[in-house]
Protein backbone atom coordinates (compact mmCIF):
# COMPACT_ATOMS: atom_id res chain seq x y z
CA PHE A 1 7.82 1.67 23.64
CA ARG A 2 10.77 -0.69 23.19
CA PRO A 3 10.91 -3.81 21.04
CA ASP A 4 11.52 -7.01 22.99
CA THR A 5 14.75 -7.93 21.24
CA ARG A 6 17.92 -6.08 20.34
CA GLN A 7 19.66 -7.71 17.41
CA THR A 8 22.00 -6.18 14.88
CA ASP A 9 23.81 -7.48 11.84
CA SER A 10 26.14 -9.51 14.04
CA SER A 11 23.26 -11.92 14.67
CA LEU A 12 23.06 -12.93 11.01
CA PRO A 13 24.24 -16.43 10.08
CA ALA A 14 27.89 -16.77 9.23
CA ASP A 15 29.53 -17.19 5.82
CA PRO A 16 27.26 -14.93 3.75
CA LYS A 17 27.37 -14.82 0.00
CA THR A 18 28.17 -11.48 -1.58
CA THR A 19 26.55 -9.65 -4.50
CA HIS A 20 26.65 -6.12 -5.83
CA GLN A 21 23.75 -5.37 -3.50
CA GLY A 22 25.61 -6.32 -0.33
CA THR A 23 25.63 -9.50 1.70
CA TYR A 24 22.94 -11.97 2.48
CA PRO A 25 22.85 -15.16 4.54
CA THR A 26 21.67 -18.48 3.16
CA PRO A 27 20.26 -20.22 6.21
CA PRO A 28 19.71 -23.96 5.82
CA MET A 29 16.01 -23.53 6.49
CA PRO A 30 13.41 -25.94 5.07
CA LEU A 31 10.38 -24.46 3.36
CA ILE A 32 7.38 -23.90 5.59
CA ASP A 33 5.29 -26.51 3.76
CA SER A 34 7.54 -29.24 5.17
CA SER A 35 6.51 -28.32 8.73
CA ASN A 36 4.00 -30.31 10.74
CA ALA A 37 1.89 -27.16 11.17
CA TRP A 38 1.52 -26.73 7.41
CA LYS A 39 0.79 -30.44 6.89
CA ALA A 40 -1.85 -30.33 9.60
CA LEU A 41 -3.59 -27.44 7.86
CA LYS A 42 -3.42 -29.22 4.52
CA ALA A 43 -4.98 -32.35 6.01
CA HIS A 44 -7.62 -30.21 7.72
CA LYS A 45 -8.54 -28.57 4.40
CA THR A 46 -8.70 -31.95 2.67
CA SER A 47 -11.04 -33.31 5.35
CA GLY A 48 -13.63 -30.76 4.24
CA ILE A 49 -14.92 -27.44 5.58
CA PRO A 50 -18.72 -27.01 5.71
CA HIS A 51 -20.39 -24.44 3.46
CA LEU A 52 -20.49 -20.92 4.90
CA LYS A 53 -24.28 -21.11 4.98
CA GLN A 54 -23.92 -23.85 7.55
CA LEU A 55 -20.97 -22.28 9.36
CA MET A 56 -22.86 -19.00 9.84
CA GLU A 57 -25.65 -20.84 11.66
CA ASP A 58 -23.21 -21.66 14.47
CA ASN A 59 -23.59 -18.60 16.70
CA LYS A 60 -20.81 -19.76 19.01
CA ARG A 61 -18.42 -19.88 16.08
CA VAL A 62 -19.58 -16.51 14.72
CA ASP A 63 -19.19 -14.89 18.13
CA ALA A 64 -15.65 -16.23 18.37
CA LEU A 65 -14.42 -15.07 14.97
CA ASN A 66 -14.07 -11.34 15.48
CA ALA A 67 -11.67 -8.95 17.14
CA THR A 68 -11.64 -5.28 18.10
CA PHE A 69 -8.86 -2.77 18.59
CA GLU A 70 -9.73 0.77 19.55
CA GLY A 71 -12.19 1.98 16.89
CA ILE A 72 -11.68 -0.91 14.46
CA TYR A 73 -13.85 -4.04 14.43
CA LEU A 74 -12.79 -7.06 12.35
CA ASP A 75 -15.41 -9.73 11.65
CA TYR A 76 -13.80 -12.70 9.89
CA SER A 77 -16.64 -15.19 10.46
CA ARG A 78 -17.42 -15.23 6.73
CA ASN A 79 -14.15 -16.94 5.91
CA CYS A 80 -14.29 -20.65 5.17
CA VAL A 81 -12.76 -21.51 8.53
CA THR A 82 -13.76 -23.19 11.74
CA GLU A 83 -12.35 -22.55 15.20
CA LYS A 84 -10.11 -25.56 14.55
CA THR A 85 -8.82 -23.90 11.37
CA MET A 86 -7.86 -20.84 13.38
CA GLU A 87 -6.05 -22.93 15.99
CA LEU A 88 -4.04 -24.56 13.22
CA LEU A 89 -3.28 -21.17 11.64
CA PHE A 90 -2.00 -19.89 14.99
CA ASP A 91 0.20 -23.00 15.18
CA LEU A 92 1.53 -22.12 11.73
CA ALA A 93 2.29 -18.57 12.90
CA ASP A 94 4.22 -20.02 15.83
CA GLU A 95 6.09 -22.41 13.55
CA ALA A 96 7.08 -19.50 11.28
CA ASN A 97 7.91 -17.31 14.31
CA VAL A 98 5.86 -14.49 12.79
CA ILE A 99 5.69 -12.20 15.81
CA GLY A 100 9.32 -12.99 16.63
CA LYS A 101 10.30 -11.82 13.14
CA PHE A 102 8.36 -8.59 13.56
CA LYS A 103 10.26 -8.06 16.80
CA GLU A 104 13.51 -8.64 14.94
CA MET A 105 12.35 -6.05 12.42
CA ALA A 106 11.63 -3.55 15.18
CA ALA A 107 15.00 -4.33 16.76
CA GLY A 108 16.83 -3.26 13.61
CA LYS A 109 17.94 -6.69 12.43
CA LYS A 110 18.71 -6.65 8.70
CA ILE A 111 15.81 -8.86 7.71
CA ASN A 112 16.02 -7.62 4.10
CA THR A 113 18.84 -10.07 3.63
CA THR A 114 19.22 -9.82 -0.15
CA GLU A 115 20.05 -6.11 0.15
CA GLY A 116 21.63 -6.23 3.61
CA ARG A 117 19.18 -3.70 5.04
CA ALA A 118 17.06 -3.19 8.11
CA VAL A 119 13.33 -2.60 7.60
CA MET A 120 12.28 0.21 9.90
CA HIS A 121 9.08 1.84 8.75
CA MET A 122 7.78 1.39 12.30
CA ALA A 123 10.51 3.80 13.45
CA LEU A 124 9.13 6.48 11.12
CA ARG A 125 6.05 6.84 13.31
CA SER A 126 7.80 6.30 16.65
CA ALA A 127 7.19 8.48 19.68
CA PRO A 128 10.22 10.56 20.78
CA THR A 129 10.65 8.28 23.81
CA ASP A 130 10.63 5.06 21.77
CA LYS A 131 13.84 3.19 21.10
CA PHE A 132 14.69 1.94 17.63
CA GLU A 133 18.24 1.25 16.49
CA VAL A 134 20.07 0.20 13.33
CA ASP A 135 23.63 -1.05 13.62
CA GLY A 136 23.52 -0.04 17.26
CA LYS A 137 22.75 3.58 16.42
CA ASP A 138 19.58 5.40 17.45
CA VAL A 139 17.24 6.25 14.57
CA VAL A 140 14.43 7.86 16.56
CA GLY A 141 16.41 11.08 17.02
CA PRO A 142 17.09 11.53 13.28
CA VAL A 143 13.47 10.67 12.44
CA HIS A 144 12.13 13.33 14.77
CA ALA A 145 14.72 15.84 13.60
CA VAL A 146 13.31 15.48 10.08
CA LEU A 147 9.74 15.72 11.40
CA LYS A 148 10.66 18.89 13.28
CA LYS A 149 12.16 20.32 10.08
CA ILE A 150 9.02 19.38 8.13
CA LYS A 151 6.83 21.10 10.71
CA ALA A 152 8.90 24.30 10.66
CA PHE A 153 8.99 24.44 6.86
CA SER A 154 5.32 23.56 6.30
CA ASP A 155 4.23 26.08 8.94
CA LYS A 156 6.29 28.76 7.19
CA VAL A 157 4.76 27.99 3.80
CA ARG A 158 1.20 27.65 5.04
CA SER A 159 1.35 30.88 7.04
CA GLY A 160 2.48 32.82 3.97
CA GLU A 161 5.83 33.71 5.50
CA TRP A 162 7.54 31.80 2.68
CA LYS A 163 7.13 33.74 -0.54
CA GLY A 164 7.56 32.70 -4.15
CA ALA A 165 9.72 34.57 -6.65
CA THR A 166 7.10 37.27 -7.23
CA GLY A 167 6.29 37.74 -3.56
CA LYS A 168 3.12 35.68 -3.58
CA ALA A 169 2.37 32.97 -1.01
CA ILE A 170 2.50 29.31 -2.00
CA THR A 171 -0.96 27.76 -2.19
CA SER A 172 -0.39 24.82 -4.54
CA VAL A 173 1.93 21.83 -4.31
CA VAL A 174 2.84 19.29 -6.98
CA ALA A 175 4.53 16.17 -5.61
CA ILE A 176 6.76 14.50 -8.23
CA GLY A 177 7.51 10.84 -7.56
CA ILE A 178 6.53 7.37 -8.71
CA GLY A 179 5.59 4.07 -7.09
CA GLY A 180 6.09 4.24 -3.35
CA SER A 181 7.04 7.88 -3.70
CA TYR A 182 3.45 8.79 -4.44
CA LEU A 183 0.89 5.97 -4.04
CA GLY A 184 0.76 6.09 -0.24
CA ALA A 185 0.69 9.87 -0.07
CA GLU A 186 -2.06 10.04 -2.68
CA PHE A 187 -4.11 7.49 -0.71
CA VAL A 188 -3.85 9.60 2.46
CA ALA A 189 -4.52 12.85 0.59
CA GLU A 190 -7.74 11.45 -0.87
CA ALA A 191 -8.84 9.85 2.39
CA LEU A 192 -8.65 13.20 4.22
CA SER A 193 -10.08 15.32 1.39
CA THR A 194 -13.54 15.40 2.99
CA GLY A 195 -14.34 15.88 6.64
CA PRO A 196 -12.78 17.89 9.48
CA ALA A 197 -9.18 17.48 8.22
CA ALA A 198 -10.15 18.93 4.84
CA LYS A 199 -10.85 22.32 6.46
CA ASN A 200 -7.11 22.66 7.03
CA ALA A 201 -6.57 22.46 3.26
CA SER A 202 -9.10 25.14 2.37
CA GLY A 203 -7.79 27.28 -0.49
CA ARG A 204 -4.92 24.89 -1.16
CA THR A 205 -4.23 22.42 -3.98
CA LEU A 206 -2.18 19.20 -3.94
CA GLU A 207 -1.39 17.42 -7.19
CA PHE A 208 0.66 14.27 -7.82
CA LEU A 209 2.82 13.75 -10.90
CA ALA A 210 3.97 10.16 -11.31
CA ASN A 211 3.49 8.82 -14.81
CA VAL A 212 6.15 9.86 -17.32
CA ASP A 213 3.42 10.30 -19.95
CA PRO A 214 3.44 14.01 -20.91
CA VAL A 215 -0.34 13.97 -20.58
CA ALA A 216 0.19 13.42 -16.84
CA VAL A 217 2.27 16.62 -16.74
CA GLU A 218 -0.52 18.57 -18.43
CA ARG A 219 -3.12 17.15 -16.05
CA ALA A 220 -1.04 17.97 -12.97
CA LEU A 221 -0.17 21.53 -14.02
CA ARG A 222 -3.25 22.62 -15.99
CA LYS A 223 -4.86 24.47 -13.07
CA LEU A 224 -1.68 25.63 -11.33
CA ASP A 225 0.02 29.02 -11.40
CA PRO A 226 3.84 28.90 -11.27
CA GLU A 227 3.84 32.00 -9.04
CA THR A 228 1.98 30.17 -6.26
CA THR A 229 3.20 26.60 -6.85
CA MET A 230 5.84 24.58 -5.04
CA ALA A 231 7.18 21.34 -6.56
CA ILE A 232 8.54 18.55 -4.39
CA VAL A 233 10.92 16.17 -6.16
CA ILE A 234 10.79 12.81 -4.36
CA SER A 235 13.64 10.44 -5.18
CA LYS A 236 16.06 8.84 -2.76
CA THR A 237 18.93 8.77 -5.27
CA PHE A 238 17.72 11.62 -7.47
CA THR A 239 18.28 9.31 -10.45
CA THR A 240 14.86 7.64 -10.92
CA ALA A 241 14.36 8.09 -14.68
CA GLU A 242 10.63 8.87 -14.74
CA THR A 243 10.76 11.14 -11.70
CA MET A 244 13.76 13.13 -12.89
CA LEU A 245 12.33 13.66 -16.37
CA ASN A 246 9.12 14.95 -14.82
CA ALA A 247 11.15 17.08 -12.39
CA ARG A 248 13.12 18.66 -15.24
CA THR A 249 9.88 19.28 -17.11
CA VAL A 250 8.32 21.07 -14.12
CA ARG A 251 11.56 22.96 -13.51
CA LYS A 252 11.41 24.22 -17.10
CA TRP A 253 7.77 25.27 -16.56
CA ILE A 254 8.83 27.29 -13.51
CA VAL A 255 11.90 28.82 -15.16
CA GLU A 256 10.05 29.83 -18.32
CA ALA A 257 7.47 31.68 -16.22
CA LEU A 258 9.62 33.09 -13.42
CA GLY A 259 13.29 32.77 -14.36
CA GLU A 260 16.15 30.63 -13.05
CA LYS A 261 16.24 32.47 -9.73
CA ALA A 262 12.82 31.05 -8.90
CA VAL A 263 13.94 27.42 -8.66
CA PRO A 264 15.13 27.47 -5.01
CA LEU A 265 11.93 29.27 -4.00
CA HIS A 266 9.56 26.96 -5.85
CA MET A 267 11.26 23.55 -5.65
CA ILE A 268 12.24 21.37 -2.69
CA ALA A 269 13.29 17.73 -2.41
CA CYS A 270 12.75 14.56 -0.43
CA SER A 271 15.98 12.67 -1.04
CA ALA A 272 19.15 11.20 0.42
CA SER A 273 21.44 12.75 -2.23
CA PRO A 274 22.24 16.37 -1.26
CA ASP A 275 24.89 16.85 -3.97
CA LYS A 276 22.49 15.88 -6.76
CA VAL A 277 19.77 18.02 -5.18
CA LYS A 278 22.14 21.00 -5.19
CA ASP A 279 23.21 20.36 -8.80
CA PHE A 280 19.53 20.44 -9.77
CA GLY A 281 19.23 23.95 -8.36
CA ILE A 282 17.40 23.10 -5.16
CA ASN A 283 18.79 24.46 -1.90
CA PRO A 284 20.07 21.40 0.06
CA ASP A 285 18.72 23.08 3.21
CA ASN A 286 15.30 22.38 1.73
CA MET A 287 15.99 18.69 1.29
CA PHE A 288 14.07 16.42 3.64
CA THR A 289 15.89 13.16 4.05
CA PHE A 290 14.90 9.53 4.45
CA TRP A 291 17.03 6.44 4.81
CA ASN A 292 17.93 3.21 3.01
CA TRP A 293 16.04 1.26 5.66
CA VAL A 294 12.83 2.86 4.34
CA GLY A 295 11.37 0.83 1.47
CA GLY A 296 9.54 2.94 -1.11
CA ARG A 297 6.18 1.22 -0.66
CA TYR A 298 6.47 1.69 3.12
CA SER A 299 7.63 5.31 2.93
CA VAL A 300 4.42 7.31 3.29
CA SER A 301 5.26 7.72 7.01
CA SER A 302 8.58 9.35 6.05
CA ALA A 303 9.24 12.75 4.47
CA VAL A 304 8.02 11.17 1.21
CA GLY A 305 4.44 11.41 2.43
CA ILE A 306 4.57 13.68 5.45
CA MET A 307 6.16 16.64 3.61
CA PRO A 308 3.55 17.11 0.83
CA LEU A 309 0.70 16.15 3.15
CA SER A 310 1.86 18.61 5.84
CA LEU A 311 2.03 21.41 3.28
CA HIS A 312 -1.56 20.59 2.32
CA TYR A 313 -3.24 19.61 5.59
CA GLY A 314 -0.84 20.97 8.22
CA PHE A 315 1.70 19.10 10.30
CA GLU A 316 -0.64 18.58 13.27
CA THR A 317 -2.99 16.59 11.04
CA MET A 318 -0.15 14.37 9.88
CA ALA A 319 1.07 13.89 13.44
CA GLU A 320 -2.32 12.31 14.16
CA PHE A 321 -1.90 10.06 11.12
CA LEU A 322 1.50 8.90 12.42
CA LYS A 323 0.02 8.32 15.86
CA GLY A 324 -2.65 6.07 14.37
CA ALA A 325 -0.07 4.00 12.47
CA ARG A 326 2.01 3.75 15.66
CA SER A 327 -0.98 2.38 17.58
CA ILE A 328 -1.22 -0.56 15.14
CA ASP A 329 2.56 -1.14 15.30
CA ARG A 330 2.32 -1.53 19.07
CA HIS A 331 -0.83 -3.61 18.83
CA LEU A 332 0.89 -5.99 16.38
CA LEU A 333 3.84 -6.57 18.69
CA SER A 334 1.85 -6.99 21.91
CA ALA A 335 -1.68 -8.28 21.27
CA PRO A 336 -2.51 -11.99 21.81
CA PRO A 337 -3.07 -13.90 18.54
CA ARG A 338 -6.87 -13.99 18.70
CA GLU A 339 -6.97 -10.21 19.25
CA ASN A 340 -4.19 -9.28 16.83
CA LEU A 341 -5.80 -7.71 13.77
CA PRO A 342 -2.81 -7.75 11.35
CA LEU A 343 -1.93 -11.31 12.38
CA LEU A 344 -5.51 -12.49 11.85
CA MET A 345 -5.81 -10.85 8.44
CA GLY A 346 -2.43 -12.15 7.32
CA LEU A 347 -3.12 -15.72 8.42
CA LEU A 348 -6.49 -15.69 6.68
CA GLY A 349 -4.71 -14.44 3.55
CA VAL A 350 -2.33 -17.41 3.75
CA TRP A 351 -5.26 -19.78 4.24
CA ASN A 352 -7.21 -18.39 1.28
CA SER A 353 -4.28 -18.27 -1.12
CA SER A 354 -2.01 -21.18 -0.19
CA PHE A 355 -4.58 -23.70 1.05
CA CYS A 356 -7.83 -22.72 -0.71
CA GLY A 357 -6.15 -21.76 -3.99
CA HIS A 358 -7.55 -18.25 -4.36
CA ALA A 359 -4.98 -16.27 -6.35
CA THR A 360 -6.76 -12.91 -6.16
CA ARG A 361 -8.37 -10.77 -3.50
CA ALA A 362 -10.27 -7.51 -3.50
CA ILE A 363 -10.54 -4.47 -1.27
CA ALA A 364 -14.04 -2.97 -1.30
CA CYS A 365 -14.08 0.30 0.64
CA TYR A 366 -17.56 1.63 1.23
CA ALA A 367 -16.15 5.14 1.51
CA GLN A 368 -15.36 7.25 -1.52
CA GLY A 369 -12.47 8.93 0.28
CA MET A 370 -10.69 5.58 0.42
CA LEU A 371 -10.66 5.19 -3.37
CA LYS A 372 -6.86 5.07 -3.48
CA LEU A 373 -6.43 2.41 -0.77
CA ALA A 374 -6.62 -0.50 -3.24
CA PRO A 375 -4.03 0.98 -5.68
CA HIS A 376 -1.67 1.64 -2.79
CA ILE A 377 -2.10 -1.85 -1.33
CA GLN A 378 -1.57 -3.31 -4.80
CA GLN A 379 1.99 -2.05 -4.60
CA VAL A 380 2.51 -2.76 -0.89
CA ASP A 381 1.37 -6.34 -1.25
CA MET A 382 2.27 -7.36 -4.80
CA GLU A 383 5.72 -5.78 -4.81
CA SER A 384 6.40 -7.24 -1.36
CA ASN A 385 5.04 -10.75 -1.76
CA GLY A 386 5.20 -11.26 -5.52
CA LYS A 387 8.10 -13.69 -5.09
CA ARG A 388 8.88 -17.14 -6.42
CA VAL A 389 11.74 -18.12 -4.11
CA ALA A 390 12.30 -18.36 -0.38
CA LEU A 391 14.92 -16.38 1.53
CA ASN A 392 17.52 -19.05 0.85
CA GLY A 393 16.88 -18.90 -2.91
CA GLU A 394 14.95 -22.17 -3.06
CA GLU A 395 11.93 -22.12 -5.37
CA LEU A 396 8.61 -22.16 -3.52
CA THR A 397 6.69 -25.43 -3.74
CA PHE A 398 3.34 -23.87 -2.82
CA PRO A 399 1.25 -20.95 -4.10
CA ALA A 400 2.05 -17.59 -2.49
CA GLY A 401 1.11 -13.99 -3.21
CA GLU A 402 -2.16 -12.62 -4.53
CA VAL A 403 -3.33 -10.23 -7.22
CA ASN A 404 -4.91 -7.30 -5.34
CA PHE A 405 -7.49 -4.94 -6.79
CA GLY A 406 -10.49 -2.93 -5.72
CA GLU A 407 -12.91 -0.08 -6.26
CA PRO A 408 -14.92 2.03 -3.81
CA GLY A 409 -18.32 0.99 -2.56
CA THR A 410 -21.22 0.51 -4.87
CA ASN A 411 -19.05 1.36 -7.92
CA GLY A 412 -17.48 -2.08 -7.65
CA GLN A 413 -20.87 -3.76 -7.37
CA HIS A 414 -21.68 -2.51 -10.86
CA SER A 415 -18.27 -3.52 -12.19
CA PHE A 416 -16.82 -6.81 -11.01
CA TYR A 417 -19.14 -8.24 -8.35
CA GLN A 418 -20.77 -10.39 -11.01
CA LEU A 419 -17.53 -12.39 -11.06
CA PHE A 420 -17.49 -12.52 -7.24
CA HIS A 421 -20.98 -13.97 -7.02
CA GLN A 422 -21.14 -16.36 -9.94
CA GLY A 423 -17.62 -16.66 -11.36
CA ARG A 424 -14.26 -17.19 -9.70
CA VAL A 425 -13.95 -17.12 -5.92
CA VAL A 426 -12.30 -13.86 -4.87
CA PRO A 427 -11.86 -13.22 -1.13
CA VAL A 428 -12.96 -9.67 -0.32
CA ASP A 429 -12.12 -7.17 2.41
CA PHE A 430 -15.16 -4.98 3.00
CA VAL A 431 -14.17 -1.70 4.69
CA GLY A 432 -16.82 0.67 6.03
CA PHE A 433 -17.19 3.59 8.42
CA ILE A 434 -19.92 4.14 11.00
CA LYS A 435 -19.85 7.91 10.54
CA SER A 436 -19.83 9.72 7.22
CA ASN A 437 -17.47 12.63 6.59
CA TYR A 438 -20.23 14.32 4.60
CA PRO A 439 -23.62 13.31 6.01
CA ILE A 440 -26.71 13.97 3.90
CA ASP A 441 -30.08 13.13 5.44
CA ASN A 442 -33.18 13.90 3.40
CA THR A 443 -35.50 11.51 5.22
CA LYS A 444 -37.69 14.46 6.21
CA SER A 445 -38.07 15.20 2.51
CA GLY A 446 -39.30 11.71 1.68
CA GLU A 447 -36.15 9.63 1.38
CA THR A 448 -36.33 6.28 3.18
CA VAL A 449 -32.80 6.45 4.61
CA SER A 450 -29.86 8.84 4.64
CA ASN A 451 -27.29 8.67 1.86
CA HIS A 452 -24.74 7.03 4.17
CA ASP A 453 -27.31 4.47 5.33
CA GLU A 454 -27.96 3.62 1.67
CA LEU A 455 -24.24 3.08 1.13
CA MET A 456 -23.83 1.01 4.28
CA SER A 457 -26.89 -1.12 3.48
CA ASN A 458 -24.78 -2.52 0.67
CA PHE A 459 -21.76 -2.92 2.97
CA PHE A 460 -23.79 -5.17 5.28
CA ALA A 461 -25.64 -7.03 2.52
CA GLN A 462 -22.85 -8.00 0.14
CA PRO A 463 -20.79 -10.17 2.55
CA ASP A 464 -23.89 -12.21 3.40
CA ALA A 465 -24.86 -12.53 -0.25
CA LEU A 466 -21.39 -13.87 -1.04
CA ALA A 467 -21.42 -16.24 1.94
CA TYR A 468 -24.95 -17.67 1.66
CA GLY A 469 -25.62 -17.51 -2.06
CA LYS A 470 -28.95 -18.64 -3.44
CA GLY A 471 -29.66 -22.23 -4.42
CA PRO A 472 -32.02 -23.92 -6.90
CA GLU A 473 -34.58 -24.81 -4.21
CA GLU A 474 -35.03 -21.17 -3.21
CA LEU A 475 -35.35 -20.18 -6.85
CA LYS A 476 -38.00 -22.84 -7.46
CA LYS A 477 -40.02 -21.53 -4.51
CA GLU A 478 -39.86 -18.07 -6.07
CA GLY A 479 -41.29 -19.47 -9.29
CA VAL A 480 -38.21 -18.96 -11.41
CA ALA A 481 -38.48 -20.73 -14.76
CA GLU A 482 -36.62 -24.04 -14.81
CA GLU A 483 -34.38 -23.07 -17.70
CA LEU A 484 -33.26 -19.91 -15.84
CA ILE A 485 -32.41 -21.59 -12.55
CA PRO A 486 -28.78 -22.41 -13.49
CA HIS A 487 -28.28 -18.79 -14.57
CA LYS A 488 -29.74 -17.36 -11.37
CA THR A 489 -28.06 -19.74 -8.95
CA PHE A 490 -25.51 -18.21 -6.58
CA PRO A 491 -23.20 -20.91 -5.16
CA GLY A 492 -22.23 -18.80 -2.12
CA ASN A 493 -19.36 -19.97 0.08
CA ARG A 494 -17.36 -16.89 -1.00
CA PRO A 495 -15.06 -15.72 1.83
CA SER A 496 -14.77 -12.16 3.09
CA ASN A 497 -13.61 -9.97 5.98
CA CYS A 498 -15.53 -7.00 7.32
CA LEU A 499 -13.63 -4.06 8.77
CA LEU A 500 -15.97 -1.59 10.46
CA VAL A 501 -14.27 1.63 11.58
CA ASP A 502 -15.70 4.46 13.69
CA ALA A 503 -14.85 7.30 11.31
CA CYS A 504 -12.41 8.27 8.57
CA THR A 505 -9.97 10.52 10.47
CA PRO A 506 -6.22 11.12 10.18
CA TYR A 507 -5.74 8.72 13.10
CA THR A 508 -7.84 5.87 11.66
CA VAL A 509 -6.36 6.36 8.17
CA GLY A 510 -2.94 5.78 9.78
CA GLN A 511 -4.32 2.69 11.48
CA VAL A 512 -5.76 1.24 8.26
CA LEU A 513 -2.49 1.88 6.43
CA ALA A 514 -0.39 0.12 9.10
CA LEU A 515 -2.92 -2.72 9.35
CA TYR A 516 -2.49 -3.55 5.66
CA GLU A 517 1.29 -3.03 5.71
CA HIS A 518 1.60 -5.57 8.52
CA ARG A 519 -0.87 -8.01 6.97
CA THR A 520 1.55 -8.21 4.06
CA GLY A 521 4.45 -8.78 6.45
CA VAL A 522 2.60 -11.60 8.24
CA GLN A 523 2.07 -13.46 4.99
CA GLY A 524 5.66 -12.95 3.85
CA PHE A 525 7.03 -14.21 7.15
CA VAL A 526 4.82 -17.32 7.01
CA TRP A 527 5.89 -18.06 3.45
CA GLY A 528 9.57 -17.51 4.28
CA ILE A 529 10.11 -14.97 1.50
CA ASN A 530 11.75 -11.54 1.49
CA SER A 531 8.87 -9.07 1.48
CA PHE A 532 11.24 -6.11 1.38
CA ASP A 533 13.20 -6.33 -1.88
CA GLN A 534 11.81 -5.84 -5.38
CA PHE A 535 14.22 -7.16 -7.98
CA GLY A 536 11.26 -7.92 -10.22
CA VAL A 537 10.95 -4.26 -11.21
CA GLU A 538 14.53 -4.07 -12.52
CA LEU A 539 14.66 -6.17 -15.70
CA GLY A 540 12.11 -4.06 -17.53
CA LYS A 541 14.04 -0.91 -16.53
CA VAL A 542 17.27 -2.34 -17.94
CA LEU A 543 15.61 -3.22 -21.24
CA GLY A 544 13.94 0.19 -21.23
CA LYS A 545 17.35 1.87 -21.23
CA LYS A 546 18.27 -0.08 -24.34
CA VAL A 547 15.08 1.04 -26.09
CA ARG A 548 15.64 4.64 -24.95
CA ALA A 549 19.16 4.64 -26.42
CA GLN A 550 17.86 3.24 -29.70
CA LEU A 551 15.12 5.87 -29.96
CA ALA A 552 17.64 8.65 -29.30
CA LYS A 553 20.01 7.34 -32.02
CA THR A 554 17.29 6.72 -34.58
CA ARG A 555 15.56 10.05 -34.09
CA GLY A 556 18.86 11.92 -33.87
CA SER A 557 20.85 10.41 -36.75
CA GLY A 558 18.53 7.99 -38.49
CA ALA A 559 20.37 4.97 -37.06
CA LYS A 560 18.99 1.59 -38.03
CA ILE A 561 16.90 -0.23 -35.42
CA GLU A 562 18.84 -3.32 -34.42
CA GLY A 563 19.51 -5.63 -31.55
CA PHE A 564 15.85 -6.48 -30.87
CA ASN A 565 13.65 -9.42 -31.82
CA SER A 566 11.59 -9.06 -34.98
CA SER A 567 8.37 -8.30 -33.11
CA THR A 568 9.87 -5.40 -31.12
CA THR A 569 11.77 -4.15 -34.19
CA ARG A 570 8.55 -4.02 -36.20
CA MET A 571 6.70 -2.06 -33.50
CA LEU A 572 9.62 0.35 -33.06
CA GLN A 573 9.59 1.03 -36.79
CA MET A 574 5.86 1.78 -36.61
CA TYR A 575 6.44 4.08 -33.66
CA ILE A 576 9.33 5.98 -35.28
CA ASN A 577 7.35 6.40 -38.51
CA ASP A 578 4.10 7.43 -36.77
CA ASP A 579 2.18 4.76 -38.65
CA VAL A 580 1.09 1.25 -37.67
CA ARG A 581 0.87 0.34 -41.38
CA VAL A 582 4.65 0.40 -41.90
């Protein structure tokens, strides 16, 4: 596979501005809402879209609004769109050059302009014969060199050849990282925890330690034995405050049980800072690198995810995961618009948020193994597209970005679906699997359907309930008391997508991951924002350092709390004195 274009940093516009982060161009590009394509969509929306109850009666329309790729079927007929809407959305994608920008991404162009970086998570799951370059240099070779190293190391640990300090084999892993250094890996770990792939993890334990709360340390380590545990410290710079505090805490746990000599045998790193790794006591030979063109929230396909997951499930399992993600990468860059799943989902996201005014959306996975998909996509999408300015620094004049949330299957129905049906309009992605990874069928013992059929009955019913609703006339026919009719009315016309997947396997989990990663990219490219920086996370960190310094001084020498507003000062005094009544 080769991307269609080959552009490097020399193709960036001239006369860039410079900051401490690097260089970035300021192209004289008007916002997308000034384009004819955007105006046409706005006029189309204003002209009125029929209720979904009416739209779903048009079988020709319903038959047209779906797409399939390999074992994934997308039905988007329950969105408040007509075929004309979709034509106009495809025009908008052309106007924004969405697929062209993905090809620039694949070609190594530094599309993360505010940080002067390429965005190459597609290269992380490349085949050895693929060609991806950054600054004219091949990156496929280095990627596969790291993968080869991961395979050799994980095979050695899993076979028992690698021994801990007391001669025992390693059977437990604790992955220490935060944000993108754990959310994606945790999603994949949970998704594969039941079914054929889980057999490869028999007798093994994988824990994640992210939160700096000491309770998180206790929860991660409570069932682990230092003699059989390996800790992976995941930090590109080896300076992330939360991660390094947790790493030092786990290091102390290991040293207190096994002695200093145990550190190189029980701790490894995923980092790009070999000197800091060595200073920590970890053998730099056991450092698995990743690159500055890998954004944290897109890093599960790098050593960040593949190392801990290979130790748990085996490298061959993770190779299938990477292959699945790669299939969606290629599909994105080559499929026609009406068959292009990430493009379709991204454009519908733009329609629902920017034109229909829906500021939230939900992911409802009717599969318990996918319980960590929504938390992972929260970061992928909200950190990527939670922006208020365009690439050129101009403030957006239209709504962009959504609040993402979700909960597995029927759990969500008993939590927040009340709001979906009778409160605010929240577009929903329903995700379900044809085959269960743990089938239970007691129909011969009197049950009406199998457990998976019961689950999937809800998967099929909820999208229709949201779309059709239930009006006063139907309620009157059912004999509902007049005074209760307003309370029992369901307006309907609530949009949703349905993703029906063959089975939850390493390959399809990779596909689902890449599908959502690229959906986010589609929306960012349409909106003209930088989906690959995250300056919004920095201000709180800076202020946190100030608070940390104050706490250290006050606890250490009784220094007066100063330099904060009266509200923060009051709460700090309560905290220092262990009493909210101060």
